[in-house]
Amino acid sequence: MPVPHIRAATADDEDTLGRLDRDSWSTLHSVQDRPTQPYQPFFDERHAPHDHLVAELGGTVVGYVRLALSSDLACHKHVGQIQGLVVAERARGAGVARALLRAVQDEARHRGARRLTLRVLGHNTAARKLYESEGFAVEGILPEEFLLDGAYVDDVLMGRRL
C-alpha cells in the first residue's frame, strides 16, 4: 500500500479541495450545510492555503487537514485547533487520516503550539477512535448540541498536549 505524501496546501489546490469537501460531505462529520453548486471558494480570509496540509496518493489529492488558532487572544496562541479533516472515500483505510493527524501535530509544534484540540461529533465513532489512538482524550461533551437528520448528536471536545 502506498504511503501518503503530505505537503502544504497552495492556492492552486482550491478547486480540488472544494470538490473534495462537496464529495465527502456527510452529517456523520459536519454540522455545516452541504456545500452547494455553483462553486463556493474553499479558501477565505479565515482559512488560507497555509492553514492546510494536503495528502496525496500517487500524485492525486485525497485529503486535507485544517489547522487554526483556537482564538485570536494573545494568551491563547499556544493552542492549535484542528478545524477539519477530510479524506476521500476511495482513500479511506489507506492511512491517510493518520498521516494527516501526525503531520498536523508536527506543524502545530513547529508553530509554537503546546496543545492541540478538536471537536468531533459523538456518533462519529471511527474518528473518535482514530483521535484517541493518536493521543487525544475527551476533555468535554456538549450533550445533544446538534440536531442532525432528526437525531440529537453530542459535540465531543478532544485535546492533547504536544
C-alpha atoms as a PDB file:
ATOM      1  CA  MET A   1       0.000   0.000   0.000  1.00  0.00           C
ATOM      2  CA  PRO A   2       1.481   3.396  -0.953  1.00  0.00           C
ATOM      3  CA  VAL A   3       2.378   5.839   1.809  1.00  0.00           C
ATOM      4  CA  PRO A   4       0.501   9.165   1.690  1.00  0.00           C
ATOM      5  CA  HIS A   5       2.608  12.185   0.784  1.00  0.00           C
ATOM      6  CA  ILE A   6       1.771  15.173   2.999  1.00  0.00           C
ATOM      7  CA  ARG A   7       2.514  18.701   1.839  1.00  0.00           C
ATOM      8  CA  ALA A   8       1.442  22.271   2.488  1.00  0.00           C
ATOM      9  CA  ALA A   9      -1.565  23.422   0.500  1.00  0.00           C
ATOM     10  CA  THR A  10      -1.190  26.096  -2.168  1.00  0.00           C
ATOM     11  CA  ALA A  11      -3.695  28.444  -3.795  1.00  0.00           C
ATOM     12  CA  ASP A  12      -3.696  26.040  -6.770  1.00  0.00           C
ATOM     13  CA  ASP A  13      -5.392  23.413  -4.556  1.00  0.00           C
ATOM     14  CA  GLU A  14      -8.561  25.474  -4.120  1.00  0.00           C
ATOM     15  CA  ASP A  15     -10.735  23.767  -6.751  1.00  0.00           C
ATOM     16  CA  THR A  16      -9.571  20.282  -5.767  1.00  0.00           C
ATOM     17  CA  LEU A  17     -10.168  20.843  -2.038  1.00  0.00           C
ATOM     18  CA  GLY A  18     -13.552  22.427  -2.691  1.00  0.00           C
ATOM     19  CA  ARG A  19     -14.574  19.401  -4.768  1.00  0.00           C
ATOM     20  CA  LEU A  20     -13.271  17.045  -2.061  1.00  0.00           C
ATOM     21  CA  ASP A  21     -15.347  18.903   0.540  1.00  0.00           C
ATOM     22  CA  ARG A  22     -18.502  18.649  -1.575  1.00  0.00           C
ATOM     23  CA  ASP A  23     -17.956  14.979  -2.457  1.00  0.00           C
ATOM     24  CA  SER A  24     -17.137  13.922   1.127  1.00  0.00           C
ATOM     25  CA  TRP A  25     -19.810  15.925   2.952  1.00  0.00           C
ATOM     26  CA  SER A  26     -21.903  13.964   5.465  1.00  0.00           C
ATOM     27  CA  THR A  27     -23.781  14.631   8.706  1.00  0.00           C
ATOM     28  CA  LEU A  28     -21.509  11.970  10.204  1.00  0.00           C
ATOM     29  CA  HIS A  29     -18.798  14.630  10.454  1.00  0.00           C
ATOM     30  CA  SER A  30     -20.282  18.007   9.510  1.00  0.00           C
ATOM     31  CA  VAL A  31     -22.819  20.347  11.072  1.00  0.00           C
ATOM     32  CA  GLN A  32     -22.467  22.819   8.216  1.00  0.00           C
ATOM     33  CA  ASP A  33     -24.918  22.897   5.351  1.00  0.00           C
ATOM     34  CA  ARG A  34     -23.939  20.744   2.392  1.00  0.00           C
ATOM     35  CA  PRO A  35     -21.548  22.739   0.160  1.00  0.00           C
ATOM     36  CA  THR A  36     -23.549  23.927  -2.811  1.00  0.00           C
ATOM     37  CA  GLN A  37     -23.086  24.341  -6.508  1.00  0.00           C
ATOM     38  CA  PRO A  38     -22.074  26.571  -8.120  1.00  0.00           C
ATOM     39  CA  TYR A  39     -18.615  26.570  -6.654  1.00  0.00           C
ATOM     40  CA  GLN A  40     -18.061  28.252  -3.298  1.00  0.00           C
ATOM     41  CA  PRO A  41     -14.495  29.388  -2.527  1.00  0.00           C
ATOM     42  CA  PHE A  42     -12.653  26.907  -0.315  1.00  0.00           C
ATOM     43  CA  PHE A  43     -10.103  29.402   0.979  1.00  0.00           C
ATOM     44  CA  ASP A  44     -11.280  32.625   2.641  1.00  0.00           C
ATOM     45  CA  GLU A  45      -9.984  35.351   4.957  1.00  0.00           C
ATOM     46  CA  ARG A  46     -10.077  32.950   7.951  1.00  0.00           C
ATOM     47  CA  HIS A  47      -8.778  29.819   6.183  1.00  0.00           C
ATOM     48  CA  ALA A  48      -5.852  30.485   3.861  1.00  0.00           C
ATOM     49  CA  PRO A  49      -3.794  27.894   1.983  1.00  0.00           C
ATOM     50  CA  HIS A  50      -1.075  27.985   4.682  1.00  0.00           C
ATOM     51  CA  ASP A  51      -3.675  26.743   7.207  1.00  0.00           C
ATOM     52  CA  HIS A  52      -3.996  23.414   5.384  1.00  0.00           C
ATOM     53  CA  LEU A  53      -1.941  20.287   4.876  1.00  0.00           C
ATOM     54  CA  VAL A  54      -2.825  18.129   1.883  1.00  0.00           C
ATOM     55  CA  ALA A  55      -2.459  14.352   1.473  1.00  0.00           C
ATOM     56  CA  GLU A  56      -1.660  12.811  -1.895  1.00  0.00           C
ATOM     57  CA  LEU A  57      -1.637   9.203  -3.038  1.00  0.00           C
ATOM     58  CA  GLY A  58       0.001   8.605  -6.398  1.00  0.00           C
ATOM     59  CA  GLY A  59       0.064  12.343  -7.085  1.00  0.00           C
ATOM     60  CA  THR A  60      -3.692  12.746  -6.501  1.00  0.00           C
ATOM     61  CA  VAL A  61      -5.081  14.839  -3.636  1.00  0.00           C
ATOM     62  CA  VAL A  62      -7.098  12.538  -1.380  1.00  0.00           C
ATOM     63  CA  GLY A  63      -7.388  14.522   1.846  1.00  0.00           C
ATOM     64  CA  TYR A  64      -6.615  17.576   3.898  1.00  0.00           C
ATOM     65  CA  VAL A  65      -6.471  18.854   7.465  1.00  0.00           C
ATOM     66  CA  ARG A  66      -7.072  22.464   8.553  1.00  0.00           C
ATOM     67  CA  LEU A  67      -5.020  23.917  11.435  1.00  0.00           C
ATOM     68  CA  ALA A  68      -6.023  27.170  13.088  1.00  0.00           C
ATOM     69  CA  LEU A  69      -5.629  29.002  16.360  1.00  0.00           C
ATOM     70  CA  SER A  70      -8.374  28.353  18.904  1.00  0.00           C
ATOM     71  CA  SER A  71      -8.916  32.110  19.246  1.00  0.00           C
ATOM     72  CA  ASP A  72      -7.297  35.441  18.461  1.00  0.00           C
ATOM     73  CA  LEU A  73      -6.436  36.093  22.109  1.00  0.00           C
ATOM     74  CA  ALA A  74      -2.702  36.573  22.774  1.00  0.00           C
ATOM     75  CA  CYS A  75      -2.971  34.436  25.934  1.00  0.00           C
ATOM     76  CA  HIS A  76      -4.392  31.574  23.835  1.00  0.00           C
ATOM     77  CA  LYS A  77      -1.874  31.441  20.982  1.00  0.00           C
ATOM     78  CA  HIS A  78      -0.253  28.299  22.393  1.00  0.00           C
ATOM     79  CA  VAL A  79      -3.344  26.221  21.476  1.00  0.00           C
ATOM     80  CA  GLY A  80      -3.832  24.966  17.942  1.00  0.00           C
ATOM     81  CA  GLN A  81      -7.135  23.599  16.738  1.00  0.00           C
ATOM     82  CA  ILE A  82      -7.935  21.101  14.016  1.00  0.00           C
ATOM     83  CA  GLN A  83     -10.908  22.613  12.212  1.00  0.00           C
ATOM     84  CA  GLY A  84     -11.410  19.991   9.553  1.00  0.00           C
ATOM     85  CA  LEU A  85     -10.063  16.623   8.485  1.00  0.00           C
ATOM     86  CA  VAL A  86     -11.377  15.133   5.251  1.00  0.00           C
ATOM     87  CA  VAL A  87     -10.340  12.003   3.369  1.00  0.00           C
ATOM     88  CA  ALA A  88     -11.825  10.960   0.035  1.00  0.00           C
ATOM     89  CA  GLU A  89     -13.992   7.855   0.226  1.00  0.00           C
ATOM     90  CA  ARG A  90     -11.717   5.954  -2.167  1.00  0.00           C
ATOM     91  CA  ALA A  91      -8.677   6.584   0.069  1.00  0.00           C
ATOM     92  CA  ARG A  92     -10.183   5.582   3.409  1.00  0.00           C
ATOM     93  CA  GLY A  93      -8.371   2.760   5.149  1.00  0.00           C
ATOM     94  CA  ALA A  94      -5.050   3.655   3.495  1.00  0.00           C
ATOM     95  CA  GLY A  95      -3.604   5.536   6.480  1.00  0.00           C
ATOM     96  CA  VAL A  96      -4.325   8.991   5.053  1.00  0.00           C
ATOM     97  CA  ALA A  97      -6.161  10.378   8.104  1.00  0.00           C
ATOM     98  CA  ARG A  98      -3.475   9.072  10.473  1.00  0.00           C
ATOM     99  CA  ALA A  99      -0.704  10.579   8.314  1.00  0.00           C
ATOM    100  CA  LEU A 100      -2.523  13.933   8.260  1.00  0.00           C
ATOM    101  CA  LEU A 101      -3.023  13.829  12.047  1.00  0.00           C
ATOM    102  CA  ARG A 102       0.655  13.146  12.670  1.00  0.00           C
ATOM    103  CA  ALA A 103       1.725  15.855  10.228  1.00  0.00           C
ATOM    104  CA  VAL A 104      -0.618  18.451  11.722  1.00  0.00           C
ATOM    105  CA  GLN A 105       0.733  17.722  15.200  1.00  0.00           C
ATOM    106  CA  ASP A 106       4.266  18.338  13.914  1.00  0.00           C
ATOM    107  CA  GLU A 107       3.120  21.533  12.186  1.00  0.00           C
ATOM    108  CA  ALA A 108       1.379  22.779  15.334  1.00  0.00           C
ATOM    109  CA  ARG A 109       4.565  22.162  17.344  1.00  0.00           C
ATOM    110  CA  HIS A 110       6.574  23.985  14.679  1.00  0.00           C
ATOM    111  CA  ARG A 111       4.216  26.967  15.033  1.00  0.00           C
ATOM    112  CA  GLY A 112       4.783  27.018  18.797  1.00  0.00           C
ATOM    113  CA  ALA A 113       1.648  25.236  19.997  1.00  0.00           C
ATOM    114  CA  ARG A 114       1.760  23.366  23.290  1.00  0.00           C
ATOM    115  CA  ARG A 115      -1.742  21.888  22.905  1.00  0.00           C
ATOM    116  CA  LEU A 116      -3.905  20.752  20.035  1.00  0.00           C
ATOM    117  CA  THR A 117      -7.692  20.498  20.246  1.00  0.00           C
ATOM    118  CA  LEU A 118     -10.559  19.434  18.023  1.00  0.00           C
ATOM    119  CA  ARG A 119     -14.294  18.853  18.040  1.00  0.00           C
ATOM    120  CA  VAL A 120     -15.884  15.659  16.763  1.00  0.00           C
ATOM    121  CA  LEU A 121     -19.495  14.564  16.584  1.00  0.00           C
ATOM    122  CA  GLY A 122     -20.405  11.951  19.180  1.00  0.00           C
ATOM    123  CA  HIS A 123     -21.773   9.495  16.623  1.00  0.00           C
ATOM    124  CA  ASN A 124     -18.539   9.505  14.584  1.00  0.00           C
ATOM    125  CA  THR A 125     -17.021   6.562  16.432  1.00  0.00           C
ATOM    126  CA  ALA A 126     -14.392   5.799  13.781  1.00  0.00           C
ATOM    127  CA  ALA A 127     -12.960   9.328  14.016  1.00  0.00           C
ATOM    128  CA  ARG A 128     -13.077   9.301  17.804  1.00  0.00           C
ATOM    129  CA  LYS A 129     -11.143   6.010  17.913  1.00  0.00           C
ATOM    130  CA  LEU A 130      -8.548   7.374  15.500  1.00  0.00           C
ATOM    131  CA  TYR A 131      -8.070  10.546  17.567  1.00  0.00           C
ATOM    132  CA  GLU A 132      -7.757   8.521  20.786  1.00  0.00           C
ATOM    133  CA  SER A 133      -5.160   6.260  19.155  1.00  0.00           C
ATOM    134  CA  GLU A 134      -3.132   9.389  18.340  1.00  0.00           C
ATOM    135  CA  GLY A 135      -3.133  10.636  21.938  1.00  0.00           C
ATOM    136  CA  PHE A 136      -6.255  12.809  22.016  1.00  0.00           C
ATOM    137  CA  ALA A 137      -8.526  12.485  25.053  1.00  0.00           C
ATOM    138  CA  VAL A 138     -12.101  13.578  25.612  1.00  0.00           C
ATOM    139  CA  GLU A 139     -11.999  16.843  27.553  1.00  0.00           C
ATOM    140  CA  GLY A 140     -15.684  17.676  27.447  1.00  0.00           C
ATOM    141  CA  ILE A 141     -19.017  16.753  25.945  1.00  0.00           C
ATOM    142  CA  LEU A 142     -21.826  19.096  24.986  1.00  0.00           C
ATOM    143  CA  PRO A 143     -24.832  16.736  25.105  1.00  0.00           C
ATOM    144  CA  GLU A 144     -27.329  16.859  22.237  1.00  0.00           C
ATOM    145  CA  GLU A 145     -25.648  20.001  20.870  1.00  0.00           C
ATOM    146  CA  PHE A 146     -26.793  19.442  17.279  1.00  0.00           C
ATOM    147  CA  LEU A 147     -29.934  18.152  15.581  1.00  0.00           C
ATOM    148  CA  LEU A 148     -28.789  16.219  12.505  1.00  0.00           C
ATOM    149  CA  ASP A 149     -31.039  14.091  10.315  1.00  0.00           C
ATOM    150  CA  GLY A 150     -33.720  14.129  13.027  1.00  0.00           C
ATOM    151  CA  ALA A 151     -31.424  12.938  15.843  1.00  0.00           C
ATOM    152  CA  TYR A 152     -29.686  14.873  18.596  1.00  0.00           C
ATOM    153  CA  VAL A 153     -25.901  14.465  18.493  1.00  0.00           C
ATOM    154  CA  ASP A 154     -23.263  15.296  21.127  1.00  0.00           C
ATOM    155  CA  ASP A 155     -20.374  17.645  20.385  1.00  0.00           C
ATOM    156  CA  VAL A 156     -17.233  15.998  21.794  1.00  0.00           C
ATOM    157  CA  LEU A 157     -14.256  18.189  22.667  1.00  0.00           C
ATOM    158  CA  MET A 158     -10.890  16.431  22.493  1.00  0.00           C
ATOM    159  CA  GLY A 159      -7.368  17.597  23.058  1.00  0.00           C
ATOM    160  CA  ARG A 160      -3.787  16.605  23.740  1.00  0.00           C
ATOM    161  CA  ARG A 161      -0.511  18.091  24.878  1.00  0.00           C
ATOM    162  CA  LEU A 162       2.195  18.419  22.300  1.00  0.00           C
END
